[in-house]
Amino acid sequence: MSVLFELHNVRKRYATFEALKGITVQVEAGTIGLLGPNGAGKSTLIKTLLGLLQFEEGSATVLGRNLPHEAAAIRRSVGYMPENDCYLPRMTAVQYVTYAGQLCGMPRRDAFQRAHETLHYVGLGEARYRRLGTFSTGMKQRVKLAQALIHGPKLVFLDEPTNGLDPEGRDQMLELIMDVASRGISVMLSTHILYDVEKTCSRALLLNRGALVHYGDIGAMKDDSKNNFEVRVHDKSQAFVQALRDRGATIDDDRGNLVVVSLPSGHDTDFILQVAVDTGAQIRHMVPYNMTLETAFLDIIREHQAKESGQAQQ
């Protein structure tokens, strides 16, 4: 599998604030979700990979080209859909997308023809001669996607592409993104909406406070729940919970009379039932616990923050 980009100990600072803290990662072609809380460094990472921001330490390559020396060549090979609107309201959609193609090095004639095709592809064929200032939020998001695709990039960075959309508009945008990926274009989707990543991406890259905390297959992240069970007891039983811990189980979540139990290796639900018998707990509900991407994400973030807190106290 080809490498999209590779970073080694990349650090980016704004004055005394460290936005990227020594990130080292190799990301392969495909669909990647870029996740993290607000301020985690997602937009900074994208702009750094585009060569729009220069890092202070480390090294990076995108599509085999080095940053910062080959930044212009990188931008000609990738597409970028920014989070914020970036257009001239009096331009028509076809003028705007044609201009984006020319900025990527396309001859004007080719860019004009390709602009028509790309606007049809994103569902704006009939609106291509309308001025951008008259577009709805959903139409603006689509035209931003069109300008990112016009030059046939190998990789597109999409920064909050469903921002401001209603549920129907968001689903339509996600369908477009999946279709883009099906055409052999790699996609990095930066968003705070975990559902969008779970629906469209196969891998996730997680940032927290400027640090890389996880990169890997989304399915594997959720597979960690295979030996987990959600258990509800009649009354809150500290003895039941403590006995589970004493015998090697992990309590991943504890909400009143509902707990999520991670069984020790080699055990099944008889383990939980025996603990309930020994402690006199009345089990009212016990089912396999299916971890969502949101749960896996929050667990990883909590673990990273706890580790950071521990290091700060040492």
C-alpha atoms as a PDB file:
ATOM      1  CA  MET A   1       0.000   0.000   0.000  1.00  0.00           C
ATOM      2  CA  SER A   2       1.437   3.401  -0.992  1.00  0.00           C
ATOM      3  CA  VAL A   3       2.322   5.979   1.640  1.00  0.00           C
ATOM      4  CA  LEU A   4       0.325   9.224   1.618  1.00  0.00           C
ATOM      5  CA  PHE A   5       2.447  11.106   4.084  1.00  0.00           C
ATOM      6  CA  GLU A   6       5.101  10.496   6.678  1.00  0.00           C
ATOM      7  CA  LEU A   7       6.102  12.654   9.618  1.00  0.00           C
ATOM      8  CA  HIS A   8       9.045  12.250  11.949  1.00  0.00           C
ATOM      9  CA  ASN A   9       9.121  14.229  15.211  1.00  0.00           C
ATOM     10  CA  VAL A  10       7.228  17.174  13.686  1.00  0.00           C
ATOM     11  CA  ARG A  11       6.740  20.114  16.046  1.00  0.00           C
ATOM     12  CA  LYS A  12       4.777  23.272  15.327  1.00  0.00           C
ATOM     13  CA  ARG A  13       4.600  26.210  17.738  1.00  0.00           C
ATOM     14  CA  TYR A  14       2.633  29.436  17.912  1.00  0.00           C
ATOM     15  CA  ALA A  15       4.850  31.622  20.120  1.00  0.00           C
ATOM     16  CA  THR A  16       5.043  29.570  23.347  1.00  0.00           C
ATOM     17  CA  PHE A  17       2.083  27.303  22.514  1.00  0.00           C
ATOM     18  CA  GLU A  18       3.068  23.926  21.051  1.00  0.00           C
ATOM     19  CA  ALA A  19       0.328  22.952  18.579  1.00  0.00           C
ATOM     20  CA  LEU A  20       2.024  19.754  17.327  1.00  0.00           C
ATOM     21  CA  LYS A  21       4.155  17.875  19.831  1.00  0.00           C
ATOM     22  CA  GLY A  22       6.713  15.734  18.063  1.00  0.00           C
ATOM     23  CA  ILE A  23       4.357  13.753  15.820  1.00  0.00           C
ATOM     24  CA  THR A  24       5.785  10.649  14.168  1.00  0.00           C
ATOM     25  CA  VAL A  25       3.487   8.620  11.906  1.00  0.00           C
ATOM     26  CA  GLN A  26       3.317   6.947   8.491  1.00  0.00           C
ATOM     27  CA  VAL A  27      -0.126   7.056   6.880  1.00  0.00           C
ATOM     28  CA  GLU A  28      -1.028   4.769   3.982  1.00  0.00           C
ATOM     29  CA  ALA A  29      -3.452   5.373   1.110  1.00  0.00           C
ATOM     30  CA  GLY A  30      -7.172   4.991   1.829  1.00  0.00           C
ATOM     31  CA  THR A  31      -9.776   6.758   3.951  1.00  0.00           C
ATOM     32  CA  ILE A  32      -8.539   8.251   7.199  1.00  0.00           C
ATOM     33  CA  GLY A  33     -10.495  10.086   9.867  1.00  0.00           C
ATOM     34  CA  LEU A  34      -8.588  12.861  11.638  1.00  0.00           C
ATOM     35  CA  LEU A  35     -10.124  13.138  15.096  1.00  0.00           C
ATOM     36  CA  GLY A  36      -9.574  15.103  18.249  1.00  0.00           C
ATOM     37  CA  PRO A  37     -11.241  17.575  20.628  1.00  0.00           C
ATOM     38  CA  ASN A  38     -11.338  21.267  19.752  1.00  0.00           C
ATOM     39  CA  GLY A  39      -7.804  22.619  19.850  1.00  0.00           C
ATOM     40  CA  ALA A  40      -6.230  19.192  19.390  1.00  0.00           C
ATOM     41  CA  GLY A  41      -4.205  20.343  16.364  1.00  0.00           C
ATOM     42  CA  LYS A  42      -6.240  18.874  13.483  1.00  0.00           C
ATOM     43  CA  SER A  43      -6.351  21.986  11.273  1.00  0.00           C
ATOM     44  CA  THR A  44      -2.744  22.791  12.123  1.00  0.00           C
ATOM     45  CA  LEU A  45      -1.677  19.322  10.994  1.00  0.00           C
ATOM     46  CA  ILE A  46      -3.511  19.661   7.661  1.00  0.00           C
ATOM     47  CA  LYS A  47      -2.080  23.124   6.971  1.00  0.00           C
ATOM     48  CA  THR A  48       1.387  21.854   7.869  1.00  0.00           C
ATOM     49  CA  LEU A  49       1.042  18.939   5.446  1.00  0.00           C
ATOM     50  CA  LEU A  50      -0.033  21.408   2.754  1.00  0.00           C
ATOM     51  CA  GLY A  51       3.031  23.542   3.373  1.00  0.00           C
ATOM     52  CA  LEU A  52       0.877  26.493   4.422  1.00  0.00           C
ATOM     53  CA  LEU A  53       2.496  26.403   7.868  1.00  0.00           C
ATOM     54  CA  GLN A  54       6.154  25.634   8.456  1.00  0.00           C
ATOM     55  CA  PHE A  55       7.181  23.410  11.353  1.00  0.00           C
ATOM     56  CA  GLU A  56      10.119  24.190  13.627  1.00  0.00           C
ATOM     57  CA  GLU A  57      11.466  20.665  14.091  1.00  0.00           C
ATOM     58  CA  GLY A  58      11.310  17.295  12.379  1.00  0.00           C
ATOM     59  CA  SER A  59      10.805  16.181   8.778  1.00  0.00           C
ATOM     60  CA  ALA A  60       7.801  15.382   6.608  1.00  0.00           C
ATOM     61  CA  THR A  61       6.941  14.056   3.155  1.00  0.00           C
ATOM     62  CA  VAL A  62       3.610  14.093   1.326  1.00  0.00           C
ATOM     63  CA  LEU A  63       3.134  11.802  -1.683  1.00  0.00           C
ATOM     64  CA  GLY A  64       6.883  11.254  -1.686  1.00  0.00           C
ATOM     65  CA  ARG A  65       7.733  14.971  -1.801  1.00  0.00           C
ATOM     66  CA  ASN A  66       9.597  16.777   0.964  1.00  0.00           C
ATOM     67  CA  LEU A  67       8.332  19.650   3.065  1.00  0.00           C
ATOM     68  CA  PRO A  68       8.879  22.542   3.013  1.00  0.00           C
ATOM     69  CA  HIS A  69      10.987  22.568  -0.177  1.00  0.00           C
ATOM     70  CA  GLU A  70       8.386  20.939  -2.444  1.00  0.00           C
ATOM     71  CA  ALA A  71       5.283  22.516  -0.910  1.00  0.00           C
ATOM     72  CA  ALA A  72       4.046  24.000  -4.215  1.00  0.00           C
ATOM     73  CA  ALA A  73       4.326  20.624  -5.987  1.00  0.00           C
ATOM     74  CA  ILE A  74       2.472  18.969  -3.101  1.00  0.00           C
ATOM     75  CA  ARG A  75      -0.404  21.447  -3.357  1.00  0.00           C
ATOM     76  CA  ARG A  76      -0.694  20.724  -7.083  1.00  0.00           C
ATOM     77  CA  SER A  77      -1.133  17.019  -6.267  1.00  0.00           C
ATOM     78  CA  VAL A  78      -3.634  17.257  -3.412  1.00  0.00           C
ATOM     79  CA  GLY A  79      -7.039  18.824  -2.881  1.00  0.00           C
ATOM     80  CA  TYR A  80      -8.021  20.911   0.132  1.00  0.00           C
ATOM     81  CA  MET A  81     -11.523  21.710   1.292  1.00  0.00           C
ATOM     82  CA  PRO A  82     -11.100  24.262   4.117  1.00  0.00           C
ATOM     83  CA  GLU A  83     -13.435  24.539   7.069  1.00  0.00           C
ATOM     84  CA  ASN A  84     -14.187  28.223   6.516  1.00  0.00           C
ATOM     85  CA  ASP A  85     -15.728  29.741   3.400  1.00  0.00           C
ATOM     86  CA  CYS A  86     -13.142  31.061   0.941  1.00  0.00           C
ATOM     87  CA  TYR A  87     -14.771  32.530  -2.145  1.00  0.00           C
ATOM     88  CA  LEU A  88     -15.697  35.823  -3.798  1.00  0.00           C
ATOM     89  CA  PRO A  89     -19.489  36.201  -3.511  1.00  0.00           C
ATOM     90  CA  ARG A  90     -19.882  37.789  -6.973  1.00  0.00           C
ATOM     91  CA  MET A  91     -18.117  34.913  -8.773  1.00  0.00           C
ATOM     92  CA  THR A  92     -20.247  32.195 -10.295  1.00  0.00           C
ATOM     93  CA  ALA A  93     -19.626  28.607  -9.273  1.00  0.00           C
ATOM     94  CA  VAL A  94     -18.062  27.741 -12.619  1.00  0.00           C
ATOM     95  CA  GLN A  95     -15.760  30.791 -12.484  1.00  0.00           C
ATOM     96  CA  TYR A  96     -14.665  29.886  -8.972  1.00  0.00           C
ATOM     97  CA  VAL A  97     -13.947  26.226  -9.686  1.00  0.00           C
ATOM     98  CA  THR A  98     -12.210  27.110 -12.974  1.00  0.00           C
ATOM     99  CA  TYR A  99      -9.984  29.541 -11.098  1.00  0.00           C
ATOM    100  CA  ALA A 100      -9.126  26.833  -8.538  1.00  0.00           C
ATOM    101  CA  GLY A 101      -8.064  24.568 -11.397  1.00  0.00           C
ATOM    102  CA  GLN A 102      -5.844  27.273 -12.872  1.00  0.00           C
ATOM    103  CA  LEU A 103      -4.193  27.812  -9.484  1.00  0.00           C
ATOM    104  CA  CYS A 104      -3.259  24.121  -9.568  1.00  0.00           C
ATOM    105  CA  GLY A 105      -1.569  24.565 -12.950  1.00  0.00           C
ATOM    106  CA  MET A 106      -4.346  23.571 -15.356  1.00  0.00           C
ATOM    107  CA  PRO A 107      -4.693  25.495 -18.651  1.00  0.00           C
ATOM    108  CA  ARG A 108      -7.761  27.737 -18.492  1.00  0.00           C
ATOM    109  CA  ARG A 109      -9.589  25.856 -21.259  1.00  0.00           C
ATOM    110  CA  ASP A 110      -9.090  22.507 -19.541  1.00  0.00           C
ATOM    111  CA  ALA A 111     -10.010  23.960 -16.162  1.00  0.00           C
ATOM    112  CA  PHE A 112     -13.232  25.464 -17.560  1.00  0.00           C
ATOM    113  CA  GLN A 113     -14.325  22.151 -19.074  1.00  0.00           C
ATOM    114  CA  ARG A 114     -13.366  20.232 -15.960  1.00  0.00           C
ATOM    115  CA  ALA A 115     -15.230  22.754 -13.757  1.00  0.00           C
ATOM    116  CA  HIS A 116     -18.501  21.940 -15.542  1.00  0.00           C
ATOM    117  CA  GLU A 117     -17.914  18.206 -15.077  1.00  0.00           C
ATOM    118  CA  THR A 118     -16.970  18.526 -11.404  1.00  0.00           C
ATOM    119  CA  LEU A 119     -19.929  20.760 -10.567  1.00  0.00           C
ATOM    120  CA  HIS A 120     -22.256  18.224 -12.160  1.00  0.00           C
ATOM    121  CA  TYR A 121     -20.576  15.514 -10.098  1.00  0.00           C
ATOM    122  CA  VAL A 122     -21.236  17.304  -6.793  1.00  0.00           C
ATOM    123  CA  GLY A 123     -24.838  18.064  -7.738  1.00  0.00           C
ATOM    124  CA  LEU A 124     -24.484  21.717  -8.754  1.00  0.00           C
ATOM    125  CA  GLY A 125     -24.796  21.372 -12.524  1.00  0.00           C
ATOM    126  CA  GLU A 126     -27.906  23.536 -12.781  1.00  0.00           C
ATOM    127  CA  ALA A 127     -26.507  26.134 -10.374  1.00  0.00           C
ATOM    128  CA  ARG A 128     -23.089  26.504 -11.964  1.00  0.00           C
ATOM    129  CA  TYR A 129     -23.812  29.989 -13.365  1.00  0.00           C
ATOM    130  CA  ARG A 130     -25.287  31.325 -10.124  1.00  0.00           C
ATOM    131  CA  ARG A 131     -23.242  33.678  -7.975  1.00  0.00           C
ATOM    132  CA  LEU A 132     -21.739  32.069  -4.895  1.00  0.00           C
ATOM    133  CA  GLY A 133     -23.194  34.764  -2.642  1.00  0.00           C
ATOM    134  CA  THR A 134     -26.677  33.371  -3.333  1.00  0.00           C
ATOM    135  CA  PHE A 135     -25.772  29.782  -2.368  1.00  0.00           C
ATOM    136  CA  SER A 136     -27.145  27.984   0.677  1.00  0.00           C
ATOM    137  CA  THR A 137     -24.771  26.443   3.228  1.00  0.00           C
ATOM    138  CA  GLY A 138     -25.120  23.031   1.621  1.00  0.00           C
ATOM    139  CA  MET A 139     -24.359  24.403  -1.842  1.00  0.00           C
ATOM    140  CA  LYS A 140     -21.294  26.252  -0.521  1.00  0.00           C
ATOM    141  CA  GLN A 141     -19.973  23.026   0.983  1.00  0.00           C
ATOM    142  CA  ARG A 142     -20.469  21.241  -2.341  1.00  0.00           C
ATOM    143  CA  VAL A 143     -18.694  23.934  -4.341  1.00  0.00           C
ATOM    144  CA  LYS A 144     -15.785  23.791  -1.885  1.00  0.00           C
ATOM    145  CA  LEU A 145     -15.598  20.059  -2.529  1.00  0.00           C
ATOM    146  CA  ALA A 146     -15.697  20.684  -6.288  1.00  0.00           C
ATOM    147  CA  GLN A 147     -12.725  23.090  -6.173  1.00  0.00           C
ATOM    148  CA  ALA A 148     -10.764  20.484  -4.176  1.00  0.00           C
ATOM    149  CA  LEU A 149     -11.397  17.828  -6.851  1.00  0.00           C
ATOM    150  CA  ILE A 150     -11.097  19.741 -10.128  1.00  0.00           C
ATOM    151  CA  HIS A 151      -7.430  18.917 -10.827  1.00  0.00           C
ATOM    152  CA  GLY A 152      -7.753  15.174 -10.186  1.00  0.00           C
ATOM    153  CA  PRO A 153      -5.802  14.957  -6.898  1.00  0.00           C
ATOM    154  CA  LYS A 154      -4.438  11.737  -5.435  1.00  0.00           C
ATOM    155  CA  LEU A 155      -5.319  12.890  -1.916  1.00  0.00           C
ATOM    156  CA  VAL A 156      -7.928  15.302  -0.571  1.00  0.00           C
ATOM    157  CA  PHE A 157      -7.973  16.928   2.854  1.00  0.00           C
ATOM    158  CA  LEU A 158     -11.528  17.683   3.960  1.00  0.00           C
ATOM    159  CA  ASP A 159     -11.755  19.972   6.990  1.00  0.00           C
ATOM    160  CA  GLU A 160     -15.217  19.750   8.623  1.00  0.00           C
ATOM    161  CA  PRO A 161     -17.043  19.088   5.296  1.00  0.00           C
ATOM    162  CA  THR A 162     -20.444  18.598   6.971  1.00  0.00           C
ATOM    163  CA  ASN A 163     -20.188  21.749   9.092  1.00  0.00           C
ATOM    164  CA  GLY A 164     -23.531  23.581   9.243  1.00  0.00           C
ATOM    165  CA  LEU A 165     -25.476  20.972   7.275  1.00  0.00           C
ATOM    166  CA  ASP A 166     -28.841  19.522   8.279  1.00  0.00           C
ATOM    167  CA  PRO A 167     -29.100  15.719   8.644  1.00  0.00           C
ATOM    168  CA  GLU A 168     -30.173  15.186   5.023  1.00  0.00           C
ATOM    169  CA  GLY A 169     -27.438  17.448   3.697  1.00  0.00           C
ATOM    170  CA  ARG A 170     -24.848  15.739   5.869  1.00  0.00           C
ATOM    171  CA  ASP A 171     -25.843  12.294   4.614  1.00  0.00           C
ATOM    172  CA  GLN A 172     -25.621  13.510   1.017  1.00  0.00           C
ATOM    173  CA  MET A 173     -22.149  14.950   1.639  1.00  0.00           C
ATOM    174  CA  LEU A 174     -21.003  11.689   3.243  1.00  0.00           C
ATOM    175  CA  GLU A 175     -22.294   9.754   0.229  1.00  0.00           C
ATOM    176  CA  LEU A 176     -20.253  12.059  -2.017  1.00  0.00           C
ATOM    177  CA  ILE A 177     -17.143  11.523   0.098  1.00  0.00           C
ATOM    178  CA  MET A 178     -17.557   7.739  -0.092  1.00  0.00           C
ATOM    179  CA  ASP A 179     -17.974   7.974  -3.859  1.00  0.00           C
ATOM    180  CA  VAL A 180     -14.800  10.063  -4.114  1.00  0.00           C
ATOM    181  CA  ALA A 181     -12.933   7.364  -2.175  1.00  0.00           C
ATOM    182  CA  SER A 182     -14.388   4.622  -4.399  1.00  0.00           C
ATOM    183  CA  ARG A 183     -12.712   6.322  -7.388  1.00  0.00           C
ATOM    184  CA  GLY A 184      -9.248   5.691  -5.967  1.00  0.00           C
ATOM    185  CA  ILE A 185      -8.727   9.088  -4.331  1.00  0.00           C
ATOM    186  CA  SER A 186      -7.413   8.929  -0.777  1.00  0.00           C
ATOM    187  CA  VAL A 187      -9.369  11.009   1.728  1.00  0.00           C
ATOM    188  CA  MET A 188      -8.376  12.506   5.066  1.00  0.00           C
ATOM    189  CA  LEU A 189     -11.536  13.674   6.810  1.00  0.00           C
ATOM    190  CA  SER A 190     -11.032  16.053   9.736  1.00  0.00           C
ATOM    191  CA  THR A 191     -14.131  16.384  11.890  1.00  0.00           C
ATOM    192  CA  HIS A 192     -15.437  16.384  15.435  1.00  0.00           C
ATOM    193  CA  ILE A 193     -18.467  14.305  14.339  1.00  0.00           C
ATOM    194  CA  LEU A 194     -17.477  10.707  15.024  1.00  0.00           C
ATOM    195  CA  TYR A 195     -20.445   9.314  13.086  1.00  0.00           C
ATOM    196  CA  ASP A 196     -19.059  10.865   9.903  1.00  0.00           C
ATOM    197  CA  VAL A 197     -15.733   9.080  10.341  1.00  0.00           C
ATOM    198  CA  GLU A 198     -17.338   5.776  11.328  1.00  0.00           C
ATOM    199  CA  LYS A 199     -19.453   5.851   8.160  1.00  0.00           C
ATOM    200  CA  THR A 200     -16.789   6.884   5.658  1.00  0.00           C
ATOM    201  CA  CYS A 201     -13.341   5.894   6.940  1.00  0.00           C
ATOM    202  CA  SER A 202     -11.434   2.669   7.546  1.00  0.00           C
ATOM    203  CA  ARG A 203      -8.697   4.138   9.749  1.00  0.00           C
ATOM    204  CA  ALA A 204      -8.484   6.901  12.337  1.00  0.00           C
ATOM    205  CA  LEU A 205      -5.711   9.225  13.452  1.00  0.00           C
ATOM    206  CA  LEU A 206      -6.386  10.731  16.885  1.00  0.00           C
ATOM    207  CA  LEU A 207      -4.821  13.906  18.233  1.00  0.00           C
ATOM    208  CA  ASN A 208      -5.126  15.336  21.714  1.00  0.00           C
ATOM    209  CA  ARG A 209      -3.478  18.545  22.884  1.00  0.00           C
ATOM    210  CA  GLY A 210      -1.131  18.452  19.907  1.00  0.00           C
ATOM    211  CA  ALA A 211       0.033  14.877  20.504  1.00  0.00           C
ATOM    212  CA  LEU A 212      -0.637  11.781  18.403  1.00  0.00           C
ATOM    213  CA  VAL A 213      -2.475   9.368  20.701  1.00  0.00           C
ATOM    214  CA  HIS A 214      -3.623   6.700  18.233  1.00  0.00           C
ATOM    215  CA  TYR A 215      -3.431   5.655  14.601  1.00  0.00           C
ATOM    216  CA  GLY A 216      -4.983   2.462  13.319  1.00  0.00           C
ATOM    217  CA  ASP A 217      -7.920   0.499  11.960  1.00  0.00           C
ATOM    218  CA  ILE A 218     -11.321   1.633  13.247  1.00  0.00           C
ATOM    219  CA  GLY A 219     -12.623  -1.917  13.382  1.00  0.00           C
ATOM    220  CA  ALA A 220      -9.678  -2.960  15.575  1.00  0.00           C
ATOM    221  CA  MET A 221     -10.383  -0.046  17.927  1.00  0.00           C
ATOM    222  CA  LYS A 222     -13.906  -1.323  18.483  1.00  0.00           C
ATOM    223  CA  ASP A 223     -12.881  -4.994  18.621  1.00  0.00           C
ATOM    224  CA  ASP A 224     -11.383  -4.335  22.031  1.00  0.00           C
ATOM    225  CA  SER A 225     -14.934  -4.837  23.362  1.00  0.00           C
ATOM    226  CA  LYS A 226     -15.193  -8.526  22.345  1.00  0.00           C
ATOM    227  CA  ASN A 227     -14.820  -9.768  25.942  1.00  0.00           C
ATOM    228  CA  ASN A 228     -16.895  -6.977  27.507  1.00  0.00           C
ATOM    229  CA  PHE A 229     -20.372  -7.214  28.986  1.00  0.00           C
ATOM    230  CA  GLU A 230     -22.877  -4.662  30.165  1.00  0.00           C
ATOM    231  CA  VAL A 231     -24.286  -5.750  33.515  1.00  0.00           C
ATOM    232  CA  ARG A 232     -27.119  -4.217  35.535  1.00  0.00           C
ATOM    233  CA  VAL A 233     -27.764  -5.328  39.106  1.00  0.00           C
ATOM    234  CA  HIS A 234     -30.889  -4.729  41.191  1.00  0.00           C
ATOM    235  CA  ASP A 235     -29.201  -2.526  43.761  1.00  0.00           C
ATOM    236  CA  LYS A 236     -25.828  -0.872  43.691  1.00  0.00           C
ATOM    237  CA  SER A 237     -23.451  -3.474  45.104  1.00  0.00           C
ATOM    238  CA  GLN A 238     -19.965  -2.286  45.971  1.00  0.00           C
ATOM    239  CA  ALA A 239     -19.141  -5.839  47.070  1.00  0.00           C
ATOM    240  CA  PHE A 240     -20.073  -7.156  43.595  1.00  0.00           C
ATOM    241  CA  VAL A 241     -17.934  -4.571  41.786  1.00  0.00           C
ATOM    242  CA  GLN A 242     -15.003  -5.031  44.172  1.00  0.00           C
ATOM    243  CA  ALA A 243     -15.160  -8.827  43.851  1.00  0.00           C
ATOM    244  CA  LEU A 244     -15.053  -8.527  40.045  1.00  0.00           C
ATOM    245  CA  ARG A 245     -11.924  -6.384  40.335  1.00  0.00           C
ATOM    246  CA  ASP A 246     -10.326  -8.681  42.923  1.00  0.00           C
ATOM    247  CA  ARG A 247     -10.733 -11.648  40.593  1.00  0.00           C
ATOM    248  CA  GLY A 248      -9.078  -9.944  37.638  1.00  0.00           C
ATOM    249  CA  ALA A 249     -11.932  -8.213  35.794  1.00  0.00           C
ATOM    250  CA  THR A 250     -11.743  -4.584  34.731  1.00  0.00           C
ATOM    251  CA  ILE A 251     -14.637  -2.218  35.284  1.00  0.00           C
ATOM    252  CA  ASP A 252     -14.502   0.112  32.283  1.00  0.00           C
ATOM    253  CA  ASP A 253     -17.616   2.061  33.160  1.00  0.00           C
ATOM    254  CA  ASP A 254     -19.457   2.361  36.444  1.00  0.00           C
ATOM    255  CA  ARG A 255     -22.784   4.220  36.432  1.00  0.00           C
ATOM    256  CA  GLY A 256     -24.842   3.405  39.484  1.00  0.00           C
ATOM    257  CA  ASN A 257     -26.264  -0.080  39.116  1.00  0.00           C
ATOM    258  CA  LEU A 258     -24.910  -0.435  35.561  1.00  0.00           C
ATOM    259  CA  VAL A 259     -21.318  -1.533  34.933  1.00  0.00           C
ATOM    260  CA  VAL A 260     -19.295  -2.544  31.880  1.00  0.00           C
ATOM    261  CA  VAL A 261     -17.165  -5.557  32.782  1.00  0.00           C
ATOM    262  CA  SER A 262     -14.032  -6.619  30.857  1.00  0.00           C
ATOM    263  CA  LEU A 263     -13.493 -10.293  31.614  1.00  0.00           C
ATOM    264  CA  PRO A 264     -10.071 -11.796  32.287  1.00  0.00           C
ATOM    265  CA  SER A 265      -8.657 -13.820  29.410  1.00  0.00           C
ATOM    266  CA  GLY A 266     -10.149 -17.295  29.085  1.00  0.00           C
ATOM    267  CA  HIS A 267     -13.353 -16.549  31.017  1.00  0.00           C
ATOM    268  CA  ASP A 268     -16.980 -16.275  29.911  1.00  0.00           C
ATOM    269  CA  THR A 269     -20.215 -15.039  31.492  1.00  0.00           C
ATOM    270  CA  ASP A 270     -20.099 -17.820  34.107  1.00  0.00           C
ATOM    271  CA  PHE A 271     -17.382 -15.741  35.749  1.00  0.00           C
ATOM    272  CA  ILE A 272     -19.813 -12.838  36.293  1.00  0.00           C
ATOM    273  CA  LEU A 273     -22.616 -15.134  37.438  1.00  0.00           C
ATOM    274  CA  GLN A 274     -20.366 -16.824  40.007  1.00  0.00           C
ATOM    275  CA  VAL A 275     -19.285 -13.445  41.417  1.00  0.00           C
ATOM    276  CA  ALA A 276     -22.957 -12.448  41.672  1.00  0.00           C
ATOM    277  CA  VAL A 277     -23.770 -15.657  43.578  1.00  0.00           C
ATOM    278  CA  ASP A 278     -20.818 -15.202  45.944  1.00  0.00           C
ATOM    279  CA  THR A 279     -21.710 -11.577  46.737  1.00  0.00           C
ATOM    280  CA  GLY A 280     -25.514 -11.921  46.719  1.00  0.00           C
ATOM    281  CA  ALA A 281     -25.961  -9.497  43.819  1.00  0.00           C
ATOM    282  CA  GLN A 282     -29.138  -9.799  41.728  1.00  0.00           C
ATOM    283  CA  ILE A 283     -28.338  -9.512  38.007  1.00  0.00           C
ATOM    284  CA  ARG A 284     -31.252  -8.008  36.044  1.00  0.00           C
ATOM    285  CA  HIS A 285     -29.518  -7.460  32.702  1.00  0.00           C
ATOM    286  CA  MET A 286     -26.383  -8.839  31.042  1.00  0.00           C
ATOM    287  CA  VAL A 287     -25.590  -8.424  27.331  1.00  0.00           C
ATOM    288  CA  PRO A 288     -22.410  -8.189  25.192  1.00  0.00           C
ATOM    289  CA  TYR A 289     -21.122  -4.644  25.145  1.00  0.00           C
ATOM    290  CA  ASN A 290     -20.742  -3.294  21.609  1.00  0.00           C
ATOM    291  CA  MET A 291     -18.197  -0.502  21.632  1.00  0.00           C
ATOM    292  CA  THR A 292     -18.834   2.434  19.313  1.00  0.00           C
ATOM    293  CA  LEU A 293     -16.158   4.624  17.796  1.00  0.00           C
ATOM    294  CA  GLU A 294     -17.245   7.346  20.199  1.00  0.00           C
ATOM    295  CA  THR A 295     -16.641   5.095  23.214  1.00  0.00           C
ATOM    296  CA  ALA A 296     -13.260   3.951  21.884  1.00  0.00           C
ATOM    297  CA  PHE A 297     -12.306   7.570  21.128  1.00  0.00           C
ATOM    298  CA  LEU A 298     -13.252   8.790  24.609  1.00  0.00           C
ATOM    299  CA  ASP A 299     -11.399   5.893  26.257  1.00  0.00           C
ATOM    300  CA  ILE A 300      -8.205   6.715  24.329  1.00  0.00           C
ATOM    301  CA  ILE A 301      -8.480  10.438  25.127  1.00  0.00           C
ATOM    302  CA  ARG A 302      -9.101   9.751  28.836  1.00  0.00           C
ATOM    303  CA  GLU A 303      -6.141   7.378  28.959  1.00  0.00           C
ATOM    304  CA  HIS A 304      -3.879   9.970  27.311  1.00  0.00           C
ATOM    305  CA  GLN A 305      -5.007  12.746  29.654  1.00  0.00           C
ATOM    306  CA  ALA A 306      -4.497  10.527  32.701  1.00  0.00           C
ATOM    307  CA  LYS A 307      -0.989   9.681  31.482  1.00  0.00           C
ATOM    308  CA  GLU A 308      -0.203  13.358  30.937  1.00  0.00           C
ATOM    309  CA  SER A 309      -1.487  14.212  34.432  1.00  0.00           C
ATOM    310  CA  GLY A 310       0.655  11.466  35.942  1.00  0.00           C
ATOM    311  CA  GLN A 311       3.758  12.710  34.156  1.00  0.00           C
ATOM    312  CA  ALA A 312       3.075  16.282  35.263  1.00  0.00           C
ATOM    313  CA  GLN A 313       2.892  15.197  38.917  1.00  0.00           C
ATOM    314  CA  GLN A 314       6.218  13.358  38.805  1.00  0.00           C
END
